[in-house]
């Protein structure tokens, strides 16, 4: 079984070749010199990949899962929230699924 990281890389390459700009959404925690915790990145539940389609500027958000992966509760809430807006959003388990997502 492929890891989500491998699938994510394949999706990024496929969408780039299909005329999209796609970036990995990085998240991390850092302890500052004063001991404060700094959380970098978007809010919990934000998808793994963010980008846009060159042909029309349409926002693309892709949550990457392997064949057994399931959405966490915060990811489910985000999916329900984002459906209200005119963006391309989907959960993809392969590069082929991601290409279908942007072509719909």
N, C-alpha and C. Protein backbone atom coordinates (compact mmCIF):
# COMPACT_ATOMS: atom_id res chain seq x y z
N UNK A 1 0.85 -1.18 0.00
CA UNK A 1 0.00 0.00 0.00
C UNK A 1 0.90 1.25 0.00
N UNK A 2 0.54 2.20 -0.84
CA UNK A 2 1.30 3.45 -0.92
C UNK A 2 1.00 4.31 0.30
N UNK A 3 2.00 5.08 0.71
CA UNK A 3 1.79 6.03 1.80
C UNK A 3 1.08 7.27 1.26
N UNK A 4 0.47 8.01 2.17
CA UNK A 4 -0.19 9.25 1.75
C UNK A 4 0.83 10.22 1.16
N UNK A 5 2.04 10.20 1.68
CA UNK A 5 3.09 11.08 1.16
C UNK A 5 3.40 10.75 -0.30
N UNK A 6 3.50 9.46 -0.63
CA UNK A 6 3.75 9.05 -2.02
C UNK A 6 2.59 9.48 -2.92
N UNK A 7 1.38 9.24 -2.47
CA UNK A 7 0.20 9.61 -3.25
C UNK A 7 0.16 11.12 -3.44
N UNK A 8 0.47 11.85 -2.40
CA UNK A 8 0.48 13.31 -2.46
C UNK A 8 1.46 13.80 -3.53
N UNK A 9 2.64 13.24 -3.55
CA UNK A 9 3.65 13.63 -4.55
C UNK A 9 3.15 13.33 -5.97
N UNK A 10 2.54 12.16 -6.17
CA UNK A 10 2.01 11.79 -7.47
C UNK A 10 0.89 12.75 -7.91
N UNK A 11 0.04 13.12 -6.96
CA UNK A 11 -1.05 14.05 -7.27
C UNK A 11 -0.49 15.41 -7.65
N UNK A 12 0.49 15.89 -6.91
CA UNK A 12 1.08 17.19 -7.21
C UNK A 12 1.67 17.22 -8.62
N UNK A 13 2.38 16.16 -8.99
CA UNK A 13 2.96 16.09 -10.34
C UNK A 13 1.87 16.04 -11.41
N UNK A 14 0.87 15.20 -11.20
CA UNK A 14 -0.20 15.04 -12.19
C UNK A 14 -0.97 16.34 -12.38
N UNK A 15 -1.31 17.02 -11.30
CA UNK A 15 -2.07 18.26 -11.42
C UNK A 15 -1.22 19.37 -12.03
N UNK A 16 0.06 19.38 -11.73
CA UNK A 16 0.95 20.36 -12.35
C UNK A 16 1.01 20.16 -13.86
N UNK A 17 1.10 18.91 -14.28
CA UNK A 17 1.13 18.59 -15.71
C UNK A 17 -0.20 18.92 -16.39
N UNK A 18 -1.28 18.93 -15.60
CA UNK A 18 -2.61 19.20 -16.14
C UNK A 18 -2.96 20.69 -16.10
N UNK A 19 -1.97 21.54 -15.86
CA UNK A 19 -2.22 22.98 -15.92
C UNK A 19 -2.70 23.60 -14.62
N UNK A 20 -2.16 23.11 -13.51
CA UNK A 20 -2.52 23.66 -12.20
C UNK A 20 -1.25 23.99 -11.43
N UNK A 21 -1.38 24.93 -10.53
CA UNK A 21 -0.32 25.18 -9.56
C UNK A 21 -0.81 24.60 -8.24
N UNK A 22 -0.01 23.70 -7.66
CA UNK A 22 -0.41 23.00 -6.44
C UNK A 22 0.74 23.06 -5.45
N UNK A 23 0.42 23.38 -4.19
CA UNK A 23 1.44 23.37 -3.14
C UNK A 23 0.98 22.49 -1.99
N UNK A 24 1.95 21.94 -1.30
CA UNK A 24 1.66 21.15 -0.10
C UNK A 24 1.40 22.13 1.03
N UNK A 25 0.36 21.88 1.78
CA UNK A 25 0.01 22.73 2.90
C UNK A 25 0.75 22.21 4.12
N UNK A 26 1.78 22.93 4.55
CA UNK A 26 2.59 22.50 5.68
C UNK A 26 2.05 23.04 7.00
N UNK A 27 2.16 22.21 8.01
CA UNK A 27 1.74 22.57 9.36
C UNK A 27 2.86 22.14 10.30
N UNK A 28 3.07 22.90 11.35
CA UNK A 28 4.09 22.52 12.31
C UNK A 28 3.99 23.30 13.60
N UNK A 29 4.64 22.78 14.63
CA UNK A 29 4.71 23.44 15.93
C UNK A 29 6.16 23.72 16.25
N UNK A 30 6.40 24.89 16.82
CA UNK A 30 7.75 25.29 17.20
C UNK A 30 7.67 25.95 18.58
N UNK A 31 8.63 25.63 19.43
CA UNK A 31 8.72 26.30 20.71
C UNK A 31 9.67 27.49 20.54
N UNK A 32 9.19 28.68 20.88
CA UNK A 32 10.01 29.88 20.74
C UNK A 32 11.04 29.95 21.87
N UNK A 33 11.96 30.89 21.77
CA UNK A 33 12.98 31.06 22.81
C UNK A 33 12.37 31.37 24.17
N UNK A 34 11.20 31.98 24.16
CA UNK A 34 10.53 32.33 25.41
C UNK A 34 9.67 31.17 25.95
N UNK A 35 9.65 30.05 25.24
CA UNK A 35 8.90 28.89 25.69
C UNK A 35 7.48 28.81 25.16
N UNK A 36 7.08 29.82 24.43
CA UNK A 36 5.73 29.82 23.86
C UNK A 36 5.66 28.86 22.68
N UNK A 37 4.53 28.19 22.52
CA UNK A 37 4.33 27.30 21.37
C UNK A 37 3.72 28.12 20.23
N UNK A 38 4.36 28.03 19.07
CA UNK A 38 3.89 28.72 17.87
C UNK A 38 3.45 27.65 16.88
N UNK A 39 2.19 27.72 16.45
CA UNK A 39 1.67 26.76 15.48
C UNK A 39 1.60 27.46 14.12
N UNK A 40 2.35 26.92 13.17
CA UNK A 40 2.41 27.50 11.83
C UNK A 40 1.49 26.73 10.90
N UNK A 41 0.86 27.45 10.00
CA UNK A 41 0.05 26.81 8.99
C UNK A 41 -1.42 27.13 9.15
N UNK A 42 -2.23 26.53 8.31
CA UNK A 42 -3.67 26.80 8.30
C UNK A 42 -4.37 26.13 9.49
N UNK A 43 -5.67 26.39 9.65
CA UNK A 43 -6.41 25.78 10.75
C UNK A 43 -6.57 24.27 10.57
N UNK A 44 -6.88 23.59 11.67
CA UNK A 44 -7.09 22.14 11.64
C UNK A 44 -8.19 21.80 10.64
N UNK A 45 -7.97 20.72 9.92
CA UNK A 45 -8.95 20.28 8.94
C UNK A 45 -8.67 20.75 7.53
N UNK A 46 -7.78 21.75 7.38
CA UNK A 46 -7.46 22.27 6.03
C UNK A 46 -6.82 21.15 5.22
N UNK A 47 -7.15 21.02 3.93
CA UNK A 47 -6.64 19.93 3.10
C UNK A 47 -5.12 19.96 2.89
N UNK A 48 -4.60 18.82 2.47
CA UNK A 48 -3.16 18.63 2.26
C UNK A 48 -2.60 19.48 1.13
N UNK A 49 -3.38 19.66 0.08
CA UNK A 49 -2.91 20.38 -1.11
C UNK A 49 -3.82 21.56 -1.42
N UNK A 50 -3.19 22.67 -1.76
CA UNK A 50 -3.90 23.90 -2.11
C UNK A 50 -3.35 24.40 -3.44
N UNK A 51 -4.21 24.90 -4.30
CA UNK A 51 -3.71 25.42 -5.57
C UNK A 51 -4.81 26.05 -6.39
N UNK A 52 -4.51 26.21 -7.68
CA UNK A 52 -5.50 26.79 -8.60
C UNK A 52 -5.30 26.24 -10.00
N UNK A 53 -6.37 26.24 -10.75
CA UNK A 53 -6.36 25.80 -12.14
C UNK A 53 -6.03 27.00 -13.01
N UNK A 54 -5.03 26.89 -13.87
CA UNK A 54 -4.57 28.01 -14.69
C UNK A 54 -5.64 28.52 -15.65
N UNK A 55 -6.46 27.63 -16.17
CA UNK A 55 -7.42 28.02 -17.20
C UNK A 55 -8.46 29.02 -16.71
N UNK A 56 -8.83 28.95 -15.44
CA UNK A 56 -9.88 29.84 -14.94
C UNK A 56 -9.63 30.39 -13.53
N UNK A 57 -8.49 30.05 -12.95
CA UNK A 57 -8.16 30.56 -11.61
C UNK A 57 -8.93 29.89 -10.49
N UNK A 58 -9.65 28.83 -10.78
CA UNK A 58 -10.48 28.14 -9.79
C UNK A 58 -9.60 27.56 -8.68
N UNK A 59 -9.98 27.82 -7.43
CA UNK A 59 -9.28 27.30 -6.26
C UNK A 59 -9.45 25.79 -6.18
N UNK A 60 -8.35 25.09 -5.88
CA UNK A 60 -8.36 23.63 -5.75
C UNK A 60 -7.88 23.27 -4.35
N UNK A 61 -8.63 22.43 -3.66
CA UNK A 61 -8.26 21.93 -2.34
C UNK A 61 -8.41 20.41 -2.37
N UNK A 62 -7.32 19.70 -2.06
CA UNK A 62 -7.33 18.24 -2.12
C UNK A 62 -6.88 17.66 -0.79
N UNK A 63 -7.73 16.82 -0.22
CA UNK A 63 -7.36 16.03 0.96
C UNK A 63 -6.87 14.70 0.43
N UNK A 64 -5.65 14.32 0.79
CA UNK A 64 -5.05 13.08 0.29
C UNK A 64 -5.18 11.98 1.35
N UNK A 65 -5.66 10.84 0.92
CA UNK A 65 -5.78 9.67 1.79
C UNK A 65 -5.30 8.45 1.03
N UNK A 66 -4.72 7.49 1.76
CA UNK A 66 -4.38 6.22 1.11
C UNK A 66 -5.65 5.37 1.07
N UNK A 67 -5.53 4.14 0.59
CA UNK A 67 -6.73 3.32 0.39
C UNK A 67 -7.50 3.04 1.68
N UNK A 68 -6.84 3.09 2.82
CA UNK A 68 -7.52 2.84 4.10
C UNK A 68 -7.78 4.11 4.90
N UNK A 69 -7.30 5.24 4.41
CA UNK A 69 -7.41 6.49 5.16
C UNK A 69 -8.83 6.99 5.31
N UNK A 70 -9.11 7.56 6.47
CA UNK A 70 -10.44 8.13 6.74
C UNK A 70 -10.29 9.57 7.20
N UNK A 71 -11.29 10.36 6.94
CA UNK A 71 -11.28 11.75 7.38
C UNK A 71 -11.42 11.84 8.89
N UNK A 72 -10.62 12.69 9.51
CA UNK A 72 -10.76 12.99 10.93
C UNK A 72 -12.00 13.89 11.10
N UNK A 73 -12.52 14.01 12.31
CA UNK A 73 -13.68 14.88 12.52
C UNK A 73 -13.47 16.32 12.03
N UNK A 74 -12.28 16.89 12.25
CA UNK A 74 -12.04 18.26 11.80
C UNK A 74 -12.01 18.33 10.27
N UNK A 75 -11.55 17.28 9.61
CA UNK A 75 -11.55 17.25 8.15
C UNK A 75 -12.97 17.09 7.60
N UNK A 76 -13.80 16.34 8.30
CA UNK A 76 -15.21 16.20 7.91
C UNK A 76 -15.92 17.54 8.03
N UNK A 77 -15.65 18.26 9.13
CA UNK A 77 -16.28 19.58 9.31
C UNK A 77 -15.85 20.53 8.19
N UNK A 78 -14.55 20.50 7.84
CA UNK A 78 -14.07 21.36 6.76
C UNK A 78 -14.76 20.99 5.45
N UNK A 79 -14.87 19.70 5.15
CA UNK A 79 -15.51 19.26 3.90
C UNK A 79 -16.95 19.76 3.83
N UNK A 80 -17.68 19.69 4.93
CA UNK A 80 -19.06 20.18 4.96
C UNK A 80 -19.10 21.70 4.75
N UNK A 81 -18.18 22.40 5.39
CA UNK A 81 -18.11 23.86 5.29
C UNK A 81 -17.80 24.31 3.86
N UNK A 82 -16.79 23.73 3.24
CA UNK A 82 -16.29 24.22 1.96
C UNK A 82 -17.24 23.91 0.81
N UNK A 83 -18.12 22.92 0.99
CA UNK A 83 -19.09 22.58 -0.05
C UNK A 83 -20.00 23.75 -0.39
N UNK A 84 -20.11 24.72 0.51
CA UNK A 84 -21.00 25.87 0.29
C UNK A 84 -20.40 26.90 -0.67
N UNK A 85 -19.16 26.74 -1.06
CA UNK A 85 -18.46 27.74 -1.86
C UNK A 85 -18.07 27.17 -3.22
N UNK A 86 -17.89 28.04 -4.20
CA UNK A 86 -17.55 27.58 -5.56
C UNK A 86 -16.06 27.28 -5.72
N UNK A 87 -15.60 26.27 -5.01
CA UNK A 87 -14.21 25.83 -5.13
C UNK A 87 -14.20 24.36 -5.51
N UNK A 88 -13.07 23.90 -6.01
CA UNK A 88 -12.90 22.48 -6.32
C UNK A 88 -12.31 21.83 -5.08
N UNK A 89 -13.08 20.93 -4.47
CA UNK A 89 -12.62 20.24 -3.27
C UNK A 89 -12.93 18.76 -3.41
N UNK A 90 -11.99 17.94 -2.96
CA UNK A 90 -12.26 16.51 -2.95
C UNK A 90 -11.23 15.75 -2.16
N UNK A 91 -11.61 14.54 -1.78
CA UNK A 91 -10.71 13.59 -1.13
C UNK A 91 -10.24 12.66 -2.23
N UNK A 92 -8.92 12.58 -2.41
CA UNK A 92 -8.36 11.78 -3.50
C UNK A 92 -7.39 10.74 -2.95
N UNK A 93 -7.48 9.56 -3.53
CA UNK A 93 -6.62 8.45 -3.11
C UNK A 93 -5.61 8.07 -4.21
N UNK A 94 -5.62 8.85 -5.30
CA UNK A 94 -4.69 8.59 -6.41
C UNK A 94 -4.61 9.83 -7.29
N UNK A 95 -3.58 9.86 -8.13
CA UNK A 95 -3.43 10.94 -9.10
C UNK A 95 -4.60 10.93 -10.09
N UNK A 96 -5.07 9.74 -10.45
CA UNK A 96 -6.18 9.63 -11.38
C UNK A 96 -7.45 10.28 -10.81
N UNK A 97 -7.71 10.05 -9.53
CA UNK A 97 -8.87 10.66 -8.89
C UNK A 97 -8.74 12.19 -8.88
N UNK A 98 -7.53 12.68 -8.66
CA UNK A 98 -7.30 14.13 -8.63
C UNK A 98 -7.54 14.75 -10.00
N UNK A 99 -7.10 14.06 -11.06
CA UNK A 99 -7.33 14.57 -12.41
C UNK A 99 -8.83 14.61 -12.70
N UNK A 100 -9.56 13.57 -12.31
CA UNK A 100 -11.02 13.56 -12.50
C UNK A 100 -11.66 14.72 -11.74
N UNK A 101 -11.16 14.99 -10.54
CA UNK A 101 -11.70 16.07 -9.73
C UNK A 101 -11.61 17.41 -10.45
N UNK A 102 -10.46 17.71 -11.03
CA UNK A 102 -10.30 19.03 -11.66
C UNK A 102 -10.97 19.10 -13.03
N UNK A 103 -11.31 17.94 -13.62
CA UNK A 103 -11.94 17.94 -14.94
C UNK A 103 -13.46 17.97 -14.87
N UNK A 104 -14.04 17.76 -13.69
CA UNK A 104 -15.51 17.75 -13.55
C UNK A 104 -16.08 19.13 -13.73
